[in-house]
Amino acid sequence: MVAAVFQSLPRTEPEFHERFGSEEACREYLISLKWPRGFVCPACGGTQSWRRSNRDEWVCSNRNCRRETSLRAGTLFHNSRKPLKDWFLTMFHMVTSKQGVSALEMQRRLGYGSNRTTLRWLRELRRVMGAAIDSRPRLSGKIECDEMLIGGRKEGSGLRGWGDPGKVVIVGAVECRGAGSGRARLRVLPSNKGKHIKSFVSAMIEPGSMVFADGAMVYRKLPGLMSDPIPTTNTRGKALKGKGGKKIVEIHLPRIHRVFSLVKRIVNGCHQGSFSHEHIQGYLDEYCYRFDGRQNAGNLKMLWALAARTVHQRSKTYWESSGRSTPDIPTRVRPKDFLEVAQVLEAMHGPLQED
């Protein structure tokens, strides 16, 4: 149909705006993704239809069917009244920006009055990216694996590191490709217990792979995997001595630690260190999606792969994308510390007047 028009993909941002700067161009490309061989009725399977004038709706020509189908129905753009070119521009910035893009930043770029729309869009697109990552083959070959902590914003608690209950445990794995890195996988864990790490390894790493990790006992008992958790020397090739003459081993996992460092930069830079625990996995999926396709950033193949998946992914409402179980639960719940202070102030000065 119109797929031949899009055989040559734009390679730069000016070419992207030239190709998809109008609503009609985005509509035609979405048609080529949803119906690559022409219209197909979702009810009867008929291929004949007619389009309502000035509307993105098609009516099946079968007299016994007459099913009306919208171009956005059943896709990630379902029930969205915003222009498709704004959706495409959001996807473009998500896949081409190394640091990612925040909802407030997209709100300013699109000129919207609130960030609720862009917040839902980014959450929905991250969900598509997560589904794309889950459908890909598992990591294989030589792999570095480790855990890290992120978060923990409560001040004055006196707890640091693994003792801080406010921190999020993240386990990661990255393929070794010569001196560089291959694909990466990151997952939020309830804790750093061995059963959670084993579950991550079995889901993300191909059996028979060589895993390089620290000296944790869990990596020595990985089923179906070879592991080399303890190097014998440090970077200078000399063994270190600790108390009692015991040998201290300096572990070097440069690839996975580089991935962890970049993730922390994104959280602290793009999102200003503020995130919800229920949405941190979406940030990790977005990073892994860009990391896996970083070699294809020049011709924007990641964008086209993401756009192709949006037509097969059903949308969610705002309250569903925010992680709430019912629409009656408020989106933002005030922290416990604020509520305690508010009760004291109300007892002293009466009810508080909110702006």
Protein backbone atom coordinates (compact mmCIF):
# COMPACT_ATOMS: atom_id res chain seq x y z
CA MET A 1 0.00 0.00 0.00
CA VAL A 2 1.87 3.08 1.22
CA ALA A 3 4.74 1.08 2.73
CA ALA A 4 6.87 1.73 -0.34
CA VAL A 5 6.86 5.44 0.49
CA PHE A 6 8.68 4.70 3.76
CA GLN A 7 11.36 2.34 2.51
CA SER A 8 14.08 4.97 2.96
CA LEU A 9 14.14 5.89 6.64
CA PRO A 10 15.20 9.37 7.76
CA ARG A 11 18.63 9.40 9.36
CA THR A 12 18.66 12.82 11.05
CA GLU A 13 16.28 14.96 13.10
CA PRO A 14 15.64 17.47 10.26
CA GLU A 15 14.70 14.57 7.99
CA PHE A 16 12.38 13.22 10.68
CA HIS A 17 10.53 16.54 10.96
CA GLU A 18 10.35 16.81 7.19
CA ARG A 19 8.85 13.34 6.89
CA PHE A 20 6.51 13.40 9.90
CA GLY A 21 5.86 17.09 10.39
CA SER A 22 2.21 16.78 9.35
CA GLU A 23 -0.69 14.80 10.76
CA GLU A 24 -1.46 13.24 7.38
CA ALA A 25 2.07 11.81 7.06
CA CYS A 26 1.83 10.20 10.52
CA ARG A 27 -1.63 8.85 9.68
CA GLU A 28 -0.44 7.26 6.46
CA TYR A 29 2.50 5.64 8.20
CA LEU A 30 0.23 4.27 10.95
CA ILE A 31 -2.04 2.81 8.28
CA SER A 32 0.95 1.03 6.72
CA LEU A 33 1.79 -0.45 10.13
CA LYS A 34 -1.71 -1.56 11.09
CA TRP A 35 -2.81 -2.79 7.66
CA PRO A 36 0.39 -3.53 5.69
CA ARG A 37 -1.56 -5.50 3.04
CA GLY A 38 -4.62 -3.32 3.02
CA PHE A 39 -7.67 -2.99 5.24
CA VAL A 40 -8.83 -6.08 7.16
CA CYS A 41 -12.09 -6.03 9.08
CA PRO A 42 -11.55 -7.20 12.70
CA ALA A 43 -15.01 -8.79 12.77
CA CYS A 44 -15.47 -10.68 9.50
CA GLY A 45 -12.00 -10.46 7.95
CA GLY A 46 -13.26 -8.62 4.88
CA THR A 47 -10.84 -6.53 2.84
CA GLN A 48 -13.32 -4.09 1.29
CA SER A 49 -14.20 -0.88 3.09
CA TRP A 50 -14.93 2.80 2.71
CA ARG A 51 -13.68 5.66 4.82
CA ARG A 52 -15.80 8.32 6.44
CA SER A 53 -14.95 11.76 5.18
CA ASN A 54 -12.51 13.75 7.33
CA ARG A 55 -12.46 10.99 9.96
CA ASP A 56 -10.06 8.14 10.81
CA GLU A 57 -12.88 5.58 10.62
CA TRP A 58 -13.44 2.79 8.12
CA VAL A 59 -16.68 0.89 7.53
CA CYS A 60 -16.65 -2.69 6.29
CA SER A 61 -18.34 -3.04 2.90
CA ASN A 62 -19.82 -6.44 3.80
CA ARG A 63 -23.57 -5.89 4.13
CA ASN A 64 -23.84 -8.54 6.83
CA CYS A 65 -21.11 -6.89 8.89
CA ARG A 66 -20.87 -3.11 8.46
CA ARG A 67 -18.35 -2.99 11.30
CA GLU A 68 -16.93 0.48 11.96
CA THR A 69 -13.21 0.48 12.75
CA SER A 70 -11.07 3.38 13.89
CA LEU A 71 -7.42 3.67 12.95
CA ARG A 72 -6.48 4.10 16.62
CA ALA A 73 -8.77 1.36 17.97
CA GLY A 74 -6.88 -1.48 19.65
CA THR A 75 -3.59 0.43 19.56
CA LEU A 76 -1.63 2.46 22.06
CA PHE A 77 -3.32 5.59 20.67
CA HIS A 78 -6.83 4.38 21.51
CA ASN A 79 -9.07 7.12 23.00
CA SER A 80 -6.28 9.67 22.52
CA ARG A 81 -7.46 12.94 20.98
CA LYS A 82 -3.98 14.41 20.70
CA PRO A 83 -2.32 14.62 17.25
CA LEU A 84 -0.34 11.62 16.07
CA LYS A 85 2.61 13.86 15.26
CA ASP A 86 2.92 14.64 18.99
CA TRP A 87 3.00 10.92 19.74
CA PHE A 88 5.68 10.36 17.09
CA LEU A 89 7.73 13.28 18.37
CA THR A 90 7.59 11.85 21.90
CA MET A 91 8.78 8.46 20.65
CA PHE A 92 11.56 10.16 18.69
CA HIS A 93 12.93 11.94 21.77
CA MET A 94 12.66 8.79 23.91
CA VAL A 95 14.78 6.65 21.60
CA THR A 96 17.33 9.25 20.50
CA SER A 97 18.12 11.00 23.80
CA LYS A 98 20.83 9.19 25.77
CA GLN A 99 19.60 10.66 29.05
CA GLY A 100 15.95 10.03 28.27
CA VAL A 101 13.22 12.65 28.51
CA SER A 102 10.95 13.54 31.42
CA ALA A 103 7.20 14.24 31.32
CA LEU A 104 7.77 17.89 32.23
CA GLU A 105 10.28 18.29 29.42
CA MET A 106 7.88 16.80 26.86
CA GLN A 107 5.10 19.02 28.20
CA ARG A 108 7.22 22.09 27.53
CA ARG A 109 8.25 20.91 24.06
CA LEU A 110 4.68 20.09 23.01
CA GLY A 111 3.16 23.17 24.66
CA TYR A 112 0.60 21.30 26.78
CA GLY A 113 -0.91 22.91 29.85
CA SER A 114 -0.33 19.89 32.10
CA ASN A 115 2.12 17.01 32.26
CA ARG A 116 -0.57 14.40 32.95
CA THR A 117 -0.86 13.61 29.25
CA THR A 118 2.86 13.26 28.61
CA LEU A 119 3.25 11.32 31.88
CA ARG A 120 0.79 8.69 30.69
CA TRP A 121 2.38 8.61 27.24
CA LEU A 122 5.85 7.93 28.62
CA ARG A 123 4.55 5.21 30.93
CA GLU A 124 2.71 3.55 28.07
CA LEU A 125 5.74 3.70 25.77
CA ARG A 126 7.96 2.25 28.51
CA ARG A 127 5.47 -0.60 28.83
CA VAL A 128 5.85 -1.26 25.09
CA MET A 129 9.64 -1.19 25.45
CA GLY A 130 9.46 -3.68 28.32
CA ALA A 131 7.34 -6.04 26.21
CA ALA A 132 9.86 -5.74 23.37
CA ILE A 133 12.75 -6.63 25.68
CA ASP A 134 10.90 -9.65 27.12
CA SER A 135 10.34 -11.02 23.61
CA ARG A 136 14.04 -10.94 22.69
CA PRO A 137 16.47 -13.86 23.10
CA ARG A 138 18.25 -14.26 26.41
CA LEU A 139 21.80 -13.03 26.96
CA SER A 140 24.53 -15.47 25.98
CA GLY A 141 28.31 -15.86 25.89
CA LYS A 142 30.41 -14.12 28.52
CA ILE A 143 28.27 -12.06 30.90
CA GLU A 144 28.97 -9.76 33.83
CA CYS A 145 26.37 -9.78 36.59
CA ASP A 146 26.03 -7.74 39.79
CA GLU A 147 23.58 -5.84 42.03
CA MET A 148 23.25 -2.19 43.00
CA LEU A 149 21.13 0.05 45.23
CA ILE A 150 19.29 3.18 44.20
CA GLY A 151 17.04 5.64 46.01
CA GLY A 152 16.74 6.08 49.76
CA ARG A 153 15.79 9.74 50.15
CA LYS A 154 14.88 9.87 53.86
CA GLU A 155 17.29 12.17 55.68
CA GLY A 156 18.48 11.69 59.23
CA SER A 157 17.73 7.96 59.36
CA GLY A 158 21.37 7.07 60.04
CA LEU A 159 21.10 4.04 57.74
CA ARG A 160 23.23 3.60 54.65
CA GLY A 161 23.82 0.97 52.02
CA TRP A 162 22.01 -2.34 52.38
CA GLY A 163 20.67 -1.32 55.77
CA ASP A 164 18.47 1.44 54.34
CA PRO A 165 14.95 0.04 53.77
CA GLY A 166 14.12 2.90 51.40
CA LYS A 167 16.58 1.77 48.75
CA VAL A 168 15.65 -0.28 45.70
CA VAL A 169 17.63 -3.42 44.85
CA ILE A 170 18.47 -3.76 41.15
CA VAL A 171 20.25 -6.70 39.56
CA GLY A 172 21.82 -6.36 36.15
CA ALA A 173 23.62 -8.37 33.50
CA VAL A 174 25.49 -7.27 30.39
CA GLU A 175 27.15 -9.21 27.59
CA CYS A 176 30.90 -8.94 26.99
CA ARG A 177 31.73 -8.12 23.37
CA GLY A 178 35.49 -7.82 23.20
CA ALA A 179 36.48 -4.62 24.98
CA GLY A 180 32.92 -3.33 24.71
CA SER A 181 29.45 -4.37 25.80
CA GLY A 182 26.58 -6.13 24.10
CA ARG A 183 23.01 -6.19 25.35
CA ALA A 184 22.00 -5.40 28.93
CA ARG A 185 19.18 -6.47 31.22
CA LEU A 186 18.08 -4.84 34.49
CA ARG A 187 15.43 -5.94 36.97
CA VAL A 188 14.07 -4.62 40.25
CA LEU A 189 14.19 -7.24 43.01
CA PRO A 190 12.29 -7.42 46.33
CA SER A 191 15.64 -8.08 48.05
CA ASN A 192 19.13 -9.36 47.32
CA LYS A 193 18.30 -12.90 48.42
CA GLY A 194 19.68 -15.74 46.36
CA LYS A 195 16.28 -16.98 45.15
CA HIS A 196 15.50 -13.64 43.51
CA ILE A 197 18.88 -13.48 41.80
CA LYS A 198 18.53 -17.06 40.55
CA SER A 199 15.11 -16.22 39.12
CA PHE A 200 16.60 -13.27 37.23
CA VAL A 201 19.50 -15.33 35.89
CA SER A 202 17.27 -18.17 34.68
CA ALA A 203 14.95 -15.71 32.90
CA MET A 204 17.58 -13.48 31.31
CA ILE A 205 20.69 -15.63 30.68
CA GLU A 206 20.99 -18.55 28.29
CA PRO A 207 22.11 -21.88 29.85
CA GLY A 208 25.77 -22.66 29.24
CA SER A 209 26.87 -19.02 29.39
CA MET A 210 29.92 -17.90 31.37
CA VAL A 211 28.96 -15.55 34.21
CA PHE A 212 31.48 -13.21 35.80
CA ALA A 213 30.38 -11.86 39.17
CA ASP A 214 31.63 -11.02 42.65
CA GLY A 215 32.26 -13.55 45.38
CA ALA A 216 28.60 -14.01 46.37
CA MET A 217 27.76 -17.64 46.99
CA VAL A 218 24.62 -17.47 44.86
CA TYR A 219 26.68 -17.07 41.67
CA ARG A 220 28.67 -20.23 42.45
CA LYS A 221 25.52 -22.35 42.39
CA LEU A 222 23.79 -21.10 39.28
CA PRO A 223 22.05 -24.03 37.58
CA GLY A 224 23.17 -24.72 34.03
CA LEU A 225 25.76 -21.94 34.00
CA MET A 226 29.50 -21.75 34.29
CA SER A 227 30.71 -19.05 36.68
CA ASP A 228 34.03 -17.45 37.51
CA PRO A 229 33.16 -15.25 40.50
CA ILE A 230 36.62 -14.66 42.03
CA PRO A 231 39.55 -13.29 40.03
CA THR A 232 42.94 -14.17 41.55
CA THR A 233 44.69 -10.81 41.14
CA ASN A 234 43.93 -7.12 41.00
CA THR A 235 44.48 -4.77 38.06
CA ARG A 236 48.23 -4.65 38.69
CA GLY A 237 48.53 -8.41 38.83
CA LYS A 238 49.45 -8.47 42.54
CA ALA A 239 47.60 -10.25 45.31
CA LEU A 240 46.59 -8.06 48.26
CA LYS A 241 46.94 -9.07 51.89
CA GLY A 242 44.45 -8.30 54.62
CA LYS A 243 44.23 -9.09 58.35
CA GLY A 244 45.64 -12.46 59.33
CA GLY A 245 47.44 -12.81 56.02
CA LYS A 246 44.21 -13.51 54.11
CA LYS A 247 44.24 -12.66 50.45
CA ILE A 248 41.98 -9.74 49.48
CA VAL A 249 40.60 -9.99 45.97
CA GLU A 250 39.71 -6.86 44.06
CA ILE A 251 36.75 -7.58 41.81
CA HIS A 252 36.57 -5.78 38.45
CA LEU A 253 33.31 -5.82 36.49
CA PRO A 254 33.74 -2.72 34.31
CA ARG A 255 30.83 -3.27 31.92
CA ILE A 256 28.01 -3.82 34.41
CA HIS A 257 29.34 -1.07 36.68
CA ARG A 258 29.35 1.29 33.69
CA VAL A 259 25.72 0.39 33.06
CA PHE A 260 24.83 1.04 36.70
CA SER A 261 26.61 4.40 36.57
CA LEU A 262 24.67 5.47 33.49
CA VAL A 263 21.36 4.43 35.05
CA LYS A 264 22.08 6.55 38.14
CA ARG A 265 22.96 9.51 35.92
CA ILE A 266 19.60 9.23 34.17
CA VAL A 267 17.67 9.02 37.45
CA ASN A 268 19.56 11.94 38.98
CA GLY A 269 19.79 14.04 35.82
CA CYS A 270 16.64 13.47 33.78
CA HIS A 271 14.30 12.71 36.69
CA GLN A 272 16.07 14.83 39.32
CA GLY A 273 16.50 11.81 41.61
CA SER A 274 12.74 11.52 42.13
CA PHE A 275 10.93 8.32 41.17
CA SER A 276 8.22 6.00 42.40
CA HIS A 277 9.23 2.47 43.29
CA GLU A 278 6.42 1.03 41.18
CA HIS A 279 7.71 2.85 38.07
CA ILE A 280 11.48 2.35 38.38
CA GLN A 281 11.25 -0.84 36.30
CA GLY A 282 9.85 1.22 33.43
CA TYR A 283 12.91 3.50 33.56
CA LEU A 284 15.16 0.43 33.44
CA ASP A 285 13.29 -1.02 30.46
CA GLU A 286 13.60 2.29 28.62
CA TYR A 287 17.35 2.37 29.25
CA CYS A 288 17.87 -1.26 28.14
CA TYR A 289 15.83 -0.62 24.99
CA ARG A 290 18.09 2.27 24.01
CA PHE A 291 21.23 0.45 25.14
CA ASP A 292 20.47 -2.60 22.96
CA GLY A 293 19.82 -0.45 19.89
CA ARG A 294 22.49 2.20 20.42
CA GLN A 295 24.33 1.06 17.27
CA ASN A 296 21.17 1.72 15.22
CA ALA A 297 20.58 5.27 16.51
CA GLY A 298 21.91 6.82 13.29
CA ASN A 299 19.09 5.48 11.12
CA LEU A 300 16.49 5.53 13.91
CA LYS A 301 15.62 1.85 13.61
CA MET A 302 14.62 1.83 17.26
CA LEU A 303 11.89 4.35 16.51
CA TRP A 304 10.36 2.28 13.75
CA ALA A 305 10.48 -0.89 15.85
CA LEU A 306 8.75 0.98 18.68
CA ALA A 307 6.11 2.44 16.38
CA ALA A 308 5.40 -1.00 14.91
CA ARG A 309 4.68 -2.37 18.38
CA THR A 310 2.29 0.43 19.32
CA VAL A 311 -0.34 -0.84 16.88
CA HIS A 312 -0.45 -4.22 18.66
CA GLN A 313 -0.40 -2.89 22.25
CA ARG A 314 -3.68 -1.89 23.87
CA SER A 315 -3.69 1.35 25.80
CA LYS A 316 -4.36 1.80 29.50
CA THR A 317 -6.15 4.59 31.29
CA TYR A 318 -4.30 7.15 33.37
CA TRP A 319 -5.15 5.51 36.68
CA GLU A 320 -4.06 2.10 35.38
CA SER A 321 -0.75 3.43 34.04
CA SER A 322 -0.09 5.15 37.39
CA GLY A 323 -0.12 1.77 39.17
CA ARG A 324 -3.42 2.16 40.99
CA SER A 325 -5.73 -0.85 41.42
CA THR A 326 -8.94 1.24 41.19
CA PRO A 327 -9.70 4.76 39.91
CA ASP A 328 -10.94 5.76 43.39
CA ILE A 329 -7.42 5.80 44.84
CA PRO A 330 -5.85 9.28 44.60
CA THR A 331 -2.89 9.64 42.27
CA ARG A 332 -0.66 11.34 44.82
CA VAL A 333 -0.68 10.29 48.46
CA ARG A 334 0.95 12.63 50.92
CA PRO A 335 3.82 11.12 52.89
CA LYS A 336 3.32 9.98 56.46
CA ASP A 337 5.66 12.65 57.83
CA PHE A 338 3.56 15.42 56.30
CA LEU A 339 0.35 13.97 57.72
CA GLU A 340 1.82 13.81 61.23
CA VAL A 341 2.96 17.43 61.05
CA ALA A 342 -0.42 18.49 59.64
CA GLN A 343 -2.25 16.88 62.57
CA VAL A 344 -0.08 18.77 65.05
CA LEU A 345 -0.60 22.08 63.27
CA GLU A 346 -4.35 21.54 63.05
CA ALA A 347 -4.47 20.89 66.81
CA MET A 348 -2.62 24.16 67.44
CA HIS A 349 -4.07 26.52 64.81
CA GLY A 350 -7.17 24.82 63.43
CA PRO A 351 -7.75 23.25 59.98
CA LEU A 352 -5.13 24.01 57.34
CA GLN A 353 -6.13 26.03 54.29
CA GLU A 354 -4.75 24.53 51.10
CA ASP A 355 -3.86 26.69 48.13
